[in-house]
């Protein structure tokens, strides 16, 4: 159940991040149009603000996404180590001479 929640959140984060990565070059193209003297200064400010906001959102979502992935990995590692430890404890070493 918890793993399905994390998979759903991961899917949403991937879609959100990829949409931001598509939008960012569009803002850069709009800003470049200002330097070609095709857009007014106020529109260039909007494009520059858009680039800043998209970069900021990408930074925060990227770190939150990888934090959740690392947390899942830690849970899997702890569970695996626990199962291995339990299996080793249950083994009989009567045939081994130490």
Protein backbone atom coordinates (compact mmCIF):
# COMPACT_ATOMS: atom_id res chain seq x y z
CA UNK A 1 0.00 0.00 0.00
CA UNK A 2 2.74 2.45 0.98
CA UNK A 3 4.78 1.49 -2.08
CA UNK A 4 1.81 2.25 -4.35
CA UNK A 5 1.50 5.69 -2.74
CA UNK A 6 5.16 6.39 -3.43
CA UNK A 7 4.79 5.16 -7.02
CA UNK A 8 1.84 7.50 -7.56
CA UNK A 9 3.74 10.43 -6.09
CA UNK A 10 6.79 9.54 -8.18
CA UNK A 11 4.72 9.48 -11.36
CA UNK A 12 3.23 12.88 -10.57
CA UNK A 13 6.68 14.30 -9.81
CA UNK A 14 8.11 12.94 -13.07
CA UNK A 15 5.26 14.45 -15.11
CA UNK A 16 5.62 17.79 -13.30
CA UNK A 17 9.39 17.89 -13.74
CA UNK A 18 9.25 16.98 -17.41
CA UNK A 19 6.61 19.62 -18.10
CA UNK A 20 8.83 22.22 -16.41
CA UNK A 21 11.77 21.08 -18.51
CA UNK A 22 9.69 21.62 -21.65
CA UNK A 23 8.49 25.07 -20.57
CA UNK A 24 11.96 26.41 -19.71
CA UNK A 25 13.29 26.49 -23.32
CA UNK A 26 10.11 28.30 -24.38
CA UNK A 27 10.88 31.06 -21.89
CA UNK A 28 14.48 31.21 -23.10
CA UNK A 29 13.29 31.53 -26.70
CA UNK A 30 11.01 34.40 -25.69
CA UNK A 31 13.88 36.14 -23.92
CA UNK A 32 16.09 35.74 -26.99
CA UNK A 33 13.39 37.42 -29.07
CA UNK A 34 13.88 40.52 -26.91
CA UNK A 35 17.53 40.68 -27.93
CA UNK A 36 16.48 40.46 -31.57
CA UNK A 37 14.35 43.58 -30.88
CA UNK A 38 11.07 41.77 -31.50
CA UNK A 39 9.48 42.05 -28.02
CA UNK A 40 9.14 44.93 -25.54
CA UNK A 41 11.12 45.19 -22.32
CA UNK A 42 8.18 44.35 -20.09
CA UNK A 43 7.69 41.04 -21.89
CA UNK A 44 11.41 40.28 -21.52
CA UNK A 45 11.06 40.78 -17.76
CA UNK A 46 8.21 38.28 -17.75
CA UNK A 47 10.29 35.72 -19.64
CA UNK A 48 13.24 36.23 -17.28
CA UNK A 49 10.95 35.82 -14.26
CA UNK A 50 9.53 32.67 -15.82
CA UNK A 51 13.01 31.22 -16.27
CA UNK A 52 13.82 31.99 -12.64
CA UNK A 53 10.58 30.46 -11.31
CA UNK A 54 10.89 27.33 -13.44
CA UNK A 55 14.50 26.83 -12.34
CA UNK A 56 13.50 27.28 -8.72
CA UNK A 57 10.62 24.79 -9.02
CA UNK A 58 12.87 22.27 -10.78
CA UNK A 59 15.38 22.51 -7.96
CA UNK A 60 12.81 21.93 -5.22
CA UNK A 61 10.93 19.13 -7.00
CA UNK A 62 14.13 17.35 -8.02
CA UNK A 63 15.40 17.18 -4.45
CA UNK A 64 12.02 16.17 -3.02
CA UNK A 65 11.69 13.43 -5.64
CA UNK A 66 15.13 11.97 -4.99
CA UNK A 67 14.60 12.22 -1.23
CA UNK A 68 11.49 10.04 -1.53
CA UNK A 69 13.36 7.58 -3.75
CA UNK A 70 16.23 7.34 -1.28
CA UNK A 71 13.79 6.81 1.55
CA UNK A 72 12.19 3.90 -0.32
CA UNK A 73 15.67 2.49 -0.94
CA UNK A 74 16.53 2.70 2.75
CA UNK A 75 13.33 0.88 3.65
CA UNK A 76 14.07 -1.86 1.12
CA UNK A 77 17.66 -2.19 2.36
CA UNK A 78 16.58 -2.39 6.01
CA UNK A 79 13.96 -5.01 5.19
CA UNK A 80 16.41 -7.07 3.17
CA UNK A 81 19.05 -6.92 5.92
CA UNK A 82 16.44 -7.94 8.49
CA UNK A 83 15.35 -10.93 6.40
CA UNK A 84 18.95 -12.02 5.83
CA UNK A 85 19.75 -11.70 9.55
CA UNK A 86 16.67 -13.74 10.47
CA UNK A 87 17.63 -16.43 7.95
CA UNK A 88 21.20 -16.65 9.26
CA UNK A 89 19.97 -16.93 12.85
CA UNK A 90 17.62 -19.79 11.87
CA UNK A 91 20.37 -21.75 10.08
CA UNK A 92 21.87 -24.78 11.80
CA UNK A 93 25.65 -24.87 11.80
CA UNK A 94 25.97 -28.37 13.29
CA UNK A 95 27.93 -29.73 10.32
CA UNK A 96 30.56 -26.99 10.37
CA UNK A 97 33.62 -27.36 12.53
CA UNK A 98 34.99 -24.06 13.69
